[in-house]
Protein backbone atom coordinates (compact mmCIF):
# COMPACT_ATOMS: atom_id res chain seq x y z
CA MET A 1 96.40 117.83 103.77
CA ILE A 2 94.32 120.31 105.72
CA THR A 3 92.59 119.24 108.89
CA LEU A 4 89.25 120.43 110.17
CA ASN A 5 90.95 122.64 112.75
CA GLU A 6 93.01 124.40 110.07
CA LYS A 7 89.90 124.94 107.97
CA GLN A 8 88.13 126.46 110.98
CA LYS A 9 91.13 128.71 111.69
CA ILE A 10 91.01 129.99 108.12
CA ILE A 11 87.31 130.79 108.38
CA LEU A 12 87.74 132.42 111.80
CA TYR A 13 90.66 134.56 110.61
CA TYR A 14 88.51 135.69 107.71
CA THR A 15 85.28 136.36 109.63
CA LYS A 16 86.30 137.44 113.13
CA ASP A 17 89.74 139.01 112.55
CA ASN A 18 88.80 140.33 109.08
CA MET A 19 92.18 139.27 107.64
CA SER A 20 93.04 139.20 103.97
CA GLN A 21 93.69 135.94 102.18
CA ARG A 22 97.39 136.76 101.90
CA GLU A 23 97.71 137.39 105.63
CA ILE A 24 95.88 134.15 106.41
CA SER A 25 98.24 132.36 104.01
CA ARG A 26 101.28 133.79 105.79
CA ARG A 27 100.01 132.81 109.23
CA THR A 28 98.79 129.32 108.41
CA GLY A 29 101.25 128.33 105.67
CA VAL A 30 98.39 127.21 103.43
CA ALA A 31 98.29 128.19 99.75
CA ARG A 32 96.11 131.18 98.86
CA ASP A 33 94.17 129.14 96.31
CA THR A 34 93.12 126.72 99.05
CA ILE A 35 92.18 129.59 101.35
CA ARG A 36 90.18 131.21 98.57
CA LYS A 37 88.35 127.92 97.96
CA TYR A 38 87.35 127.55 101.63
CA ILE A 39 86.28 131.19 101.93
CA ARG A 40 84.14 130.99 98.79
CA GLU A 41 82.60 127.76 100.01
CA TYR A 42 81.88 129.37 103.40
CA GLU A 43 80.33 132.48 101.84
CA SER A 44 78.10 130.46 99.52
CA LYS A 45 76.89 128.31 102.42
CA VAL A 46 76.18 131.40 104.54
CA GLN A 47 74.22 132.88 101.65
CA GLU A 48 72.23 129.64 101.31
CA LEU A 49 71.67 129.72 105.07
CA GLY A 50 69.93 133.08 104.69
CA TYR A 51 67.57 131.53 102.14
CA ALA A 52 66.99 128.32 104.08
CA LEU A 53 63.36 127.87 104.98
CA SER A 54 63.30 125.27 107.71
CA ASP A 55 65.45 124.54 110.73
CA ILE A 56 66.43 121.18 109.22
CA GLU A 57 67.86 122.87 106.13
CA LYS A 58 69.74 125.34 108.34
CA ALA A 59 71.20 122.49 110.39
CA ASP A 60 72.31 120.73 107.20
CA LEU A 61 74.01 123.87 105.90
CA ILE A 62 75.77 124.50 109.21
CA GLU A 63 76.97 120.90 109.16
CA ASP A 64 78.29 121.42 105.60
CA ILE A 65 80.22 124.49 106.71
CA THR A 66 81.88 122.71 109.61
CA LYS A 67 82.59 119.34 107.99
CA LYS A 68 86.07 117.98 107.32
CA PRO A 69 87.60 118.91 103.93
CA LYS A 70 87.24 116.30 101.17
CA TYR A 71 89.80 115.64 98.48
CA LYS A 72 89.31 114.16 95.05
CA SER A 73 90.52 110.60 95.25
CA SER A 74 89.15 109.27 91.99
CA PRO A 75 91.51 107.03 90.06
CA ARG A 76 93.51 108.95 87.50
CA VAL A 77 93.40 107.94 83.87
CA LYS A 78 96.74 107.48 82.16
CA THR A 79 96.55 109.42 78.91
CA ALA A 80 100.09 108.96 77.64
CA VAL A 81 100.17 105.20 78.15
CA THR A 82 98.22 104.00 75.12
CA ASP A 83 97.96 100.49 73.72
CA GLU A 84 100.42 101.46 71.00
CA VAL A 85 103.01 102.55 73.58
CA ILE A 86 102.54 99.36 75.59
CA GLU A 87 103.01 97.23 72.46
CA LYS A 88 106.19 99.14 71.58
CA ILE A 89 107.56 98.61 75.11
CA LYS A 90 106.70 94.90 74.85
CA THR A 91 108.76 94.65 71.65
CA PHE A 92 111.72 96.30 73.38
CA LEU A 93 111.40 93.85 76.28
CA LYS A 94 111.24 90.89 73.86
CA GLU A 95 114.42 92.15 72.19
CA ASN A 96 116.03 92.33 75.62
CA GLU A 97 115.00 88.73 76.30
CA THR A 98 116.51 87.48 73.04
CA LYS A 99 119.73 89.40 73.70
CA ARG A 100 119.88 87.91 77.20
CA LEU A 101 119.42 84.39 75.83
CA LYS A 102 122.13 84.93 73.19
CA GLY A 103 124.59 86.07 75.84
CA PHE A 104 124.52 89.79 75.01
CA SER A 105 123.24 90.88 78.40
CA LYS A 106 125.22 94.12 78.33
CA GLN A 107 123.50 95.19 75.10
CA GLN A 108 120.02 95.19 76.61
CA MET A 109 118.00 98.39 76.68
CA LYS A 110 117.62 99.96 80.09
CA LYS A 111 114.44 101.79 81.02
CA ILE A 112 116.01 105.14 80.14
CA ASP A 113 116.98 103.75 76.72
CA ILE A 114 113.41 102.59 76.14
CA HIS A 115 112.17 106.05 77.11
CA GLU A 116 114.58 107.77 74.72
CA ALA A 117 113.61 105.38 71.90
CA LEU A 118 109.94 106.14 72.46
CA LEU A 119 110.64 109.87 72.39
CA LYS A 120 112.58 109.49 69.12
CA GLU A 121 109.61 107.68 67.60
CA GLY A 122 107.36 110.62 68.45
CA PHE A 123 105.58 109.41 71.57
CA ASN A 124 105.01 112.03 74.26
CA ILE A 125 105.51 110.03 77.45
CA SER A 126 107.35 110.69 80.69
CA TYR A 127 110.16 108.57 82.07
CA SER A 128 108.15 107.70 85.19
CA SER A 129 105.31 106.38 83.03
CA VAL A 130 107.76 104.18 81.13
CA ILE A 131 109.16 102.86 84.41
CA SER A 132 105.72 101.95 85.74
CA VAL A 133 104.75 100.16 82.50
CA VAL A 134 108.05 98.25 82.31
CA ASN A 135 107.83 97.23 85.97
CA LYS A 136 104.26 96.02 85.46
CA LEU A 137 105.22 94.02 82.36
CA GLU A 138 108.40 92.56 83.89
CA LYS A 139 106.74 91.45 87.08
CA THR A 140 108.11 87.93 87.25
CA LYS A 141 107.44 85.19 89.70
CA LYS A 142 110.20 84.59 92.17
CA GLU A 143 111.88 81.21 92.09
CA ALA A 144 111.50 78.94 95.06
CA PHE A 145 114.27 76.57 96.02
CA ILE A 146 113.36 73.55 98.10
CA LYS A 147 116.10 72.21 100.30
CA GLN A 148 116.54 68.51 99.75
CA GLU A 149 118.13 65.97 102.03
CA TYR A 150 119.90 62.88 100.78
CA ALA A 151 121.87 60.17 102.46
CA PRO A 152 125.64 60.78 102.04
CA GLY A 153 126.88 59.38 98.71
CA ASP A 154 123.34 58.78 97.43
CA VAL A 155 123.05 61.59 94.84
CA VAL A 156 125.61 63.92 93.23
CA GLU A 157 124.50 67.28 91.76
CA PHE A 158 126.58 69.91 89.99
CA ASP A 159 125.68 73.53 89.41
CA PHE A 160 127.62 74.93 86.45
CA GLY A 161 125.74 78.30 86.54
């Protein structure tokens, strides 16, 4: 993430020292695409500043040039995780539950197995997407155990688990 000072350095290297974008990239360690973006933004604002009519417009443009960089933080839409994929993962998880109840816990599908099965069925989905969907679906409530106190010899409990 680039700070305001780094953005100002980039613009100063470009305007005062007349450096190329590659040289600025070497000195600052910032990608050339980012440097190109800031230089183009600066040049367009300077051009608008020449056309600005009033002092208020000029002040606004100068403020735009010197403001902190903004990044796109809009929520991303998951394109690979469709309703069909989620339903397929739910069926795999139900199969796992029945296997667990029947005592075949070692025959359950792991997340990587679910991913491979989805790929075999023709779905184009990444392993990390499968993990996030499975984790969301398997989010279970934790059990709470309440400590009980009895008088000695009052109650006998056995735990055969």
